[in-house]
Amino acid sequence: MYEGLKHLHLTAVALSLLFLTLQVIAHIFDTKMKDAKWLKVLPHIIHTVLIVTAISLCVILAQYPFVHDWVTSKLIGLVAYILLAVLAVKWARTNAMRVFAFLGAVAWLGLTAKVAFSKMPLF
């Protein structure tokens, strides 16, 4: 059970990054793809899977945010990633702002992955 959830969770992380990249590229180059319904709906499904698997893994491992520092760091990283992704895709007014937010989101995702593998909190 644990291994399956873990692999599904990691797949959702990879797909989240892939779809964020596609969305940002579509917005930067102002393609018709940015308005495609599938590109707007699938990330929500992927993020739902990501969050449900994360919660399930917390329950299975009995490791919870605000109890275990490294899980709290992962939660902070997830929130930062999502906020910067929304900035990159929806709120950004310029391409420079879009790229900056995208790079910030990728950086937070990397930090969160580091915490996940090391089990050491950011702070």
N, C-alpha and C. Protein backbone atom coordinates (compact mmCIF):
# COMPACT_ATOMS: atom_id res chain seq x y z
N MET A 1 0.83 -1.20 0.00
CA MET A 1 0.00 0.00 0.00
C MET A 1 0.87 1.26 0.00
N TYR A 2 1.85 1.27 0.91
CA TYR A 2 2.72 2.44 1.02
C TYR A 2 3.47 2.70 -0.28
N GLU A 3 4.08 1.66 -0.85
CA GLU A 3 4.86 1.83 -2.07
C GLU A 3 4.00 2.36 -3.22
N GLY A 4 2.80 1.82 -3.35
CA GLY A 4 1.90 2.27 -4.41
C GLY A 4 1.52 3.74 -4.25
N LEU A 5 1.19 4.14 -3.02
CA LEU A 5 0.85 5.55 -2.76
C LEU A 5 2.04 6.46 -3.01
N LYS A 6 3.21 6.00 -2.58
CA LYS A 6 4.41 6.81 -2.77
C LYS A 6 4.69 7.03 -4.26
N HIS A 7 4.56 5.97 -5.06
CA HIS A 7 4.80 6.11 -6.50
C HIS A 7 3.74 6.98 -7.17
N LEU A 8 2.49 6.84 -6.74
CA LEU A 8 1.43 7.69 -7.27
C LEU A 8 1.69 9.15 -6.90
N HIS A 9 2.13 9.39 -5.67
CA HIS A 9 2.45 10.74 -5.21
C HIS A 9 3.59 11.35 -6.05
N LEU A 10 4.65 10.58 -6.25
CA LEU A 10 5.78 11.08 -7.03
C LEU A 10 5.40 11.30 -8.50
N THR A 11 4.53 10.46 -9.02
CA THR A 11 4.02 10.66 -10.38
C THR A 11 3.21 11.95 -10.46
N ALA A 12 2.40 12.21 -9.46
CA ALA A 12 1.60 13.45 -9.43
C ALA A 12 2.51 14.67 -9.35
N VAL A 13 3.60 14.58 -8.60
CA VAL A 13 4.55 15.69 -8.51
C VAL A 13 5.16 15.96 -9.90
N ALA A 14 5.59 14.90 -10.57
CA ALA A 14 6.20 15.04 -11.89
C ALA A 14 5.19 15.61 -12.90
N LEU A 15 3.98 15.11 -12.87
CA LEU A 15 2.95 15.62 -13.79
C LEU A 15 2.59 17.07 -13.48
N SER A 16 2.57 17.42 -12.21
CA SER A 16 2.30 18.80 -11.83
C SER A 16 3.34 19.74 -12.43
N LEU A 17 4.60 19.35 -12.32
CA LEU A 17 5.67 20.17 -12.89
C LEU A 17 5.57 20.22 -14.42
N LEU A 18 5.26 19.09 -15.04
CA LEU A 18 5.12 19.05 -16.50
C LEU A 18 4.01 19.99 -16.97
N PHE A 19 2.85 19.92 -16.32
CA PHE A 19 1.73 20.76 -16.73
C PHE A 19 1.98 22.24 -16.41
N LEU A 20 2.66 22.53 -15.31
CA LEU A 20 3.02 23.92 -15.03
C LEU A 20 3.93 24.45 -16.13
N THR A 21 4.90 23.65 -16.53
CA THR A 21 5.81 24.05 -17.60
C THR A 21 5.05 24.30 -18.90
N LEU A 22 4.14 23.39 -19.26
CA LEU A 22 3.33 23.57 -20.47
C LEU A 22 2.51 24.85 -20.41
N GLN A 23 1.89 25.11 -19.26
CA GLN A 23 1.07 26.30 -19.11
C GLN A 23 1.90 27.58 -19.24
N VAL A 24 3.05 27.60 -18.59
CA VAL A 24 3.90 28.79 -18.64
C VAL A 24 4.41 29.03 -20.06
N ILE A 25 4.85 27.98 -20.74
CA ILE A 25 5.31 28.12 -22.12
C ILE A 25 4.17 28.61 -23.02
N ALA A 26 2.98 28.05 -22.83
CA ALA A 26 1.82 28.47 -23.63
C ALA A 26 1.51 29.94 -23.40
N HIS A 27 1.65 30.43 -22.17
CA HIS A 27 1.39 31.84 -21.89
C HIS A 27 2.50 32.74 -22.42
N ILE A 28 3.74 32.31 -22.27
CA ILE A 28 4.86 33.15 -22.74
C ILE A 28 4.79 33.35 -24.25
N PHE A 29 4.51 32.27 -24.97
CA PHE A 29 4.46 32.37 -26.43
C PHE A 29 3.06 32.69 -26.94
N ASP A 30 2.14 32.92 -26.03
CA ASP A 30 0.77 33.32 -26.33
C ASP A 30 0.12 32.42 -27.38
N THR A 31 0.19 31.12 -27.14
CA THR A 31 -0.39 30.15 -28.07
C THR A 31 -1.85 29.89 -27.73
N LYS A 32 -2.54 29.29 -28.68
CA LYS A 32 -3.94 28.94 -28.44
C LYS A 32 -4.07 27.84 -27.38
N MET A 33 -2.99 27.09 -27.19
CA MET A 33 -3.01 26.00 -26.23
C MET A 33 -3.31 26.50 -24.81
N LYS A 34 -2.95 27.75 -24.52
CA LYS A 34 -3.19 28.27 -23.16
C LYS A 34 -4.67 28.29 -22.80
N ASP A 35 -5.53 28.31 -23.80
CA ASP A 35 -6.97 28.32 -23.56
C ASP A 35 -7.61 26.94 -23.67
N ALA A 36 -6.80 25.92 -23.91
CA ALA A 36 -7.33 24.57 -24.05
C ALA A 36 -7.91 24.10 -22.71
N LYS A 37 -9.10 23.54 -22.79
CA LYS A 37 -9.79 23.10 -21.58
C LYS A 37 -8.99 22.04 -20.83
N TRP A 38 -8.38 21.11 -21.55
CA TRP A 38 -7.63 20.03 -20.90
C TRP A 38 -6.45 20.57 -20.11
N LEU A 39 -5.86 21.68 -20.60
CA LEU A 39 -4.71 22.26 -19.90
C LEU A 39 -5.14 23.05 -18.67
N LYS A 40 -6.40 23.37 -18.60
CA LYS A 40 -6.92 24.06 -17.42
C LYS A 40 -7.49 23.08 -16.39
N VAL A 41 -8.02 21.94 -16.85
CA VAL A 41 -8.69 20.99 -15.96
C VAL A 41 -7.72 19.97 -15.38
N LEU A 42 -6.86 19.39 -16.21
CA LEU A 42 -5.97 18.32 -15.74
C LEU A 42 -5.08 18.71 -14.56
N PRO A 43 -4.51 19.92 -14.53
CA PRO A 43 -3.71 20.27 -13.35
C PRO A 43 -4.49 20.21 -12.03
N HIS A 44 -5.77 20.55 -12.06
CA HIS A 44 -6.59 20.47 -10.85
C HIS A 44 -6.76 19.02 -10.40
N ILE A 45 -6.95 18.13 -11.36
CA ILE A 45 -7.08 16.71 -11.04
C ILE A 45 -5.76 16.19 -10.47
N ILE A 46 -4.66 16.57 -11.11
CA ILE A 46 -3.34 16.14 -10.66
C ILE A 46 -3.05 16.65 -9.26
N HIS A 47 -3.37 17.90 -8.99
CA HIS A 47 -3.12 18.47 -7.66
C HIS A 47 -4.00 17.81 -6.60
N THR A 48 -5.21 17.44 -6.98
CA THR A 48 -6.08 16.72 -6.04
C THR A 48 -5.46 15.37 -5.69
N VAL A 49 -4.97 14.66 -6.70
CA VAL A 49 -4.30 13.37 -6.45
C VAL A 49 -3.06 13.60 -5.57
N LEU A 50 -2.31 14.64 -5.87
CA LEU A 50 -1.11 14.96 -5.09
C LEU A 50 -1.45 15.18 -3.62
N ILE A 51 -2.46 15.96 -3.34
CA ILE A 51 -2.84 16.27 -1.96
C ILE A 51 -3.44 15.05 -1.26
N VAL A 52 -4.28 14.28 -1.94
CA VAL A 52 -4.89 13.09 -1.33
C VAL A 52 -3.82 12.06 -1.01
N THR A 53 -2.87 11.86 -1.92
CA THR A 53 -1.80 10.89 -1.64
C THR A 53 -0.90 11.38 -0.51
N ALA A 54 -0.66 12.69 -0.46
CA ALA A 54 0.16 13.25 0.62
C ALA A 54 -0.50 13.02 1.98
N ILE A 55 -1.78 13.28 2.05
CA ILE A 55 -2.51 13.05 3.30
C ILE A 55 -2.51 11.57 3.66
N SER A 56 -2.72 10.72 2.68
CA SER A 56 -2.71 9.27 2.92
C SER A 56 -1.36 8.80 3.42
N LEU A 57 -0.28 9.31 2.83
CA LEU A 57 1.06 8.94 3.28
C LEU A 57 1.31 9.41 4.71
N CYS A 58 0.83 10.60 5.05
CA CYS A 58 0.97 11.10 6.42
C CYS A 58 0.28 10.17 7.41
N VAL A 59 -0.91 9.72 7.05
CA VAL A 59 -1.67 8.84 7.94
C VAL A 59 -0.97 7.49 8.07
N ILE A 60 -0.53 6.92 6.94
CA ILE A 60 0.14 5.62 6.98
C ILE A 60 1.43 5.69 7.80
N LEU A 61 2.19 6.77 7.63
CA LEU A 61 3.46 6.90 8.35
C LEU A 61 3.31 7.48 9.76
N ALA A 62 2.10 7.96 10.08
CA ALA A 62 1.84 8.63 11.36
C ALA A 62 2.80 9.81 11.55
N GLN A 63 3.00 10.56 10.48
CA GLN A 63 3.84 11.77 10.49
C GLN A 63 2.94 12.92 10.04
N TYR A 64 2.77 13.91 10.90
CA TYR A 64 1.79 14.95 10.62
C TYR A 64 2.41 16.34 10.65
N PRO A 65 1.85 17.27 9.82
CA PRO A 65 2.32 18.66 9.88
C PRO A 65 2.05 19.24 11.26
N PHE A 66 2.90 20.14 11.67
CA PHE A 66 2.84 20.84 12.95
C PHE A 66 3.13 19.91 14.14
N VAL A 67 3.42 18.63 13.85
CA VAL A 67 3.88 17.70 14.87
C VAL A 67 5.31 17.31 14.54
N HIS A 68 5.55 17.03 13.26
CA HIS A 68 6.88 16.64 12.77
C HIS A 68 7.38 17.75 11.85
N ASP A 69 8.53 18.32 12.19
CA ASP A 69 9.04 19.50 11.50
C ASP A 69 9.24 19.29 10.00
N TRP A 70 9.72 18.11 9.59
CA TRP A 70 9.99 17.91 8.17
C TRP A 70 8.70 17.87 7.35
N VAL A 71 7.60 17.37 7.94
CA VAL A 71 6.32 17.35 7.24
C VAL A 71 5.76 18.78 7.16
N THR A 72 5.98 19.56 8.19
CA THR A 72 5.58 20.96 8.17
C THR A 72 6.34 21.71 7.07
N SER A 73 7.63 21.42 6.92
CA SER A 73 8.42 22.04 5.85
C SER A 73 7.89 21.65 4.48
N LYS A 74 7.48 20.40 4.32
CA LYS A 74 6.90 19.97 3.05
C LYS A 74 5.60 20.71 2.77
N LEU A 75 4.78 20.91 3.78
CA LEU A 75 3.53 21.64 3.62
C LEU A 75 3.79 23.08 3.21
N ILE A 76 4.75 23.72 3.86
CA ILE A 76 5.13 25.09 3.50
C ILE A 76 5.63 25.13 2.06
N GLY A 77 6.43 24.15 1.67
CA GLY A 77 6.93 24.07 0.31
C GLY A 77 5.81 23.90 -0.71
N LEU A 78 4.83 23.07 -0.37
CA LEU A 78 3.69 22.86 -1.27
C LEU A 78 2.89 24.15 -1.46
N VAL A 79 2.64 24.85 -0.37
CA VAL A 79 1.89 26.11 -0.44
C VAL A 79 2.66 27.14 -1.27
N ALA A 80 3.97 27.25 -1.05
CA ALA A 80 4.79 28.19 -1.82
C ALA A 80 4.79 27.82 -3.30
N TYR A 81 4.92 26.52 -3.60
CA TYR A 81 4.90 26.05 -4.99
C TYR A 81 3.58 26.42 -5.66
N ILE A 82 2.47 26.17 -4.98
CA ILE A 82 1.16 26.45 -5.57
C ILE A 82 0.95 27.95 -5.77
N LEU A 83 1.33 28.75 -4.79
CA LEU A 83 1.16 30.21 -4.93
C LEU A 83 2.00 30.76 -6.08
N LEU A 84 3.24 30.30 -6.20
CA LEU A 84 4.08 30.77 -7.30
C LEU A 84 3.60 30.24 -8.64
N ALA A 85 3.05 29.03 -8.67
CA ALA A 85 2.48 28.49 -9.91
C ALA A 85 1.27 29.30 -10.36
N VAL A 86 0.41 29.66 -9.40
CA VAL A 86 -0.75 30.50 -9.73
C VAL A 86 -0.29 31.87 -10.21
N LEU A 87 0.73 32.42 -9.58
CA LEU A 87 1.29 33.69 -10.03
C LEU A 87 1.79 33.57 -11.46
N ALA A 88 2.50 32.49 -11.76
CA ALA A 88 3.08 32.31 -13.10
C ALA A 88 2.00 32.14 -14.17
N VAL A 89 0.92 31.45 -13.83
CA VAL A 89 -0.08 31.11 -14.85
C VAL A 89 -1.23 32.12 -14.91
N LYS A 90 -1.64 32.67 -13.78
CA LYS A 90 -2.84 33.51 -13.78
C LYS A 90 -2.58 34.98 -13.46
N TRP A 91 -1.75 35.25 -12.48
CA TRP A 91 -1.64 36.62 -11.98
C TRP A 91 -0.57 37.45 -12.66
N ALA A 92 0.41 36.83 -13.27
CA ALA A 92 1.54 37.56 -13.86
C ALA A 92 1.07 38.45 -15.01
N ARG A 93 1.57 39.66 -15.02
CA ARG A 93 1.21 40.61 -16.08
C ARG A 93 2.24 40.65 -17.21
N THR A 94 3.47 40.26 -16.90
CA THR A 94 4.54 40.27 -17.90
C THR A 94 5.20 38.90 -17.97
N ASN A 95 5.89 38.67 -19.08
CA ASN A 95 6.61 37.40 -19.23
C ASN A 95 7.75 37.29 -18.23
N ALA A 96 8.38 38.40 -17.91
CA ALA A 96 9.47 38.38 -16.93
C ALA A 96 8.93 37.93 -15.57
N MET A 97 7.79 38.45 -15.19
CA MET A 97 7.16 38.05 -13.94
C MET A 97 6.77 36.57 -13.98
N ARG A 98 6.29 36.12 -15.14
CA ARG A 98 5.89 34.73 -15.32
C ARG A 98 7.09 33.80 -15.15
N VAL A 99 8.21 34.15 -15.79
CA VAL A 99 9.43 33.33 -15.70
C VAL A 99 9.97 33.33 -14.27
N PHE A 100 10.00 34.49 -13.63
CA PHE A 100 10.47 34.60 -12.26
C PHE A 100 9.64 33.71 -11.32
N ALA A 101 8.32 33.77 -11.47
CA ALA A 101 7.43 32.96 -10.62
C ALA A 101 7.62 31.47 -10.92
N PHE A 102 7.78 31.13 -12.19
CA PHE A 102 8.00 29.73 -12.57
C PHE A 102 9.29 29.20 -11.95
N LEU A 103 10.36 29.97 -12.06
CA LEU A 103 11.64 29.54 -11.48
C LEU A 103 11.54 29.42 -9.96
N GLY A 104 10.80 30.33 -9.33
CA GLY A 104 10.58 30.25 -7.89
C GLY A 104 9.80 29.00 -7.51
N ALA A 105 8.78 28.68 -8.30
CA ALA A 105 7.99 27.47 -8.05
C ALA A 105 8.86 26.22 -8.16
N VAL A 106 9.70 26.17 -9.20
CA VAL A 106 10.59 25.02 -9.40
C VAL A 106 11.59 24.93 -8.24
N ALA A 107 12.09 26.08 -7.79
CA ALA A 107 13.04 26.08 -6.66
C ALA A 107 12.37 25.54 -5.40
N TRP A 108 11.15 25.97 -5.12
CA TRP A 108 10.44 25.47 -3.94
C TRP A 108 10.15 23.98 -4.07
N LEU A 109 9.83 23.54 -5.28
CA LEU A 109 9.61 22.12 -5.49
C LEU A 109 10.89 21.34 -5.21
N GLY A 110 12.02 21.87 -5.65
CA GLY A 110 13.30 21.23 -5.38
C GLY A 110 13.62 21.17 -3.90
N LEU A 111 13.38 22.28 -3.19
CA LEU A 111 13.60 22.29 -1.74
C LEU A 111 12.69 21.30 -1.03
N THR A 112 11.46 21.21 -1.48
CA THR A 112 10.51 20.28 -0.88
C THR A 112 10.94 18.84 -1.13
N ALA A 113 11.45 18.57 -2.32
CA ALA A 113 11.96 17.22 -2.62
C ALA A 113 13.15 16.89 -1.74
N LYS A 114 14.02 17.87 -1.53
CA LYS A 114 15.19 17.66 -0.65
C LYS A 114 14.73 17.30 0.77
N VAL A 115 13.72 18.01 1.25
CA VAL A 115 13.19 17.72 2.59
C VAL A 115 12.57 16.32 2.61
N ALA A 116 11.86 15.96 1.54
CA ALA A 116 11.21 14.64 1.49
C ALA A 116 12.22 13.51 1.56
N PHE A 117 13.34 13.66 0.85
CA PHE A 117 14.33 12.60 0.82
C PHE A 117 15.20 12.57 2.08
N SER A 118 15.50 13.75 2.62
CA SER A 118 16.40 13.80 3.79
C SER A 118 15.67 13.69 5.12
N LYS A 119 14.36 13.98 5.11
CA LYS A 119 13.55 14.03 6.34
C LYS A 119 14.07 15.07 7.32
N MET A 120 14.76 16.07 6.79
CA MET A 120 15.30 17.17 7.60
C MET A 120 14.54 18.45 7.23
N PRO A 121 14.00 19.18 8.21
CA PRO A 121 13.24 20.38 7.91
C PRO A 121 14.11 21.49 7.31
N LEU A 122 13.47 22.42 6.63
CA LEU A 122 14.19 23.54 6.03
C LEU A 122 14.78 24.45 7.09
N PHE A 123 14.05 24.69 8.17
CA PHE A 123 14.48 25.65 9.17
C PHE A 123 14.72 24.97 10.49
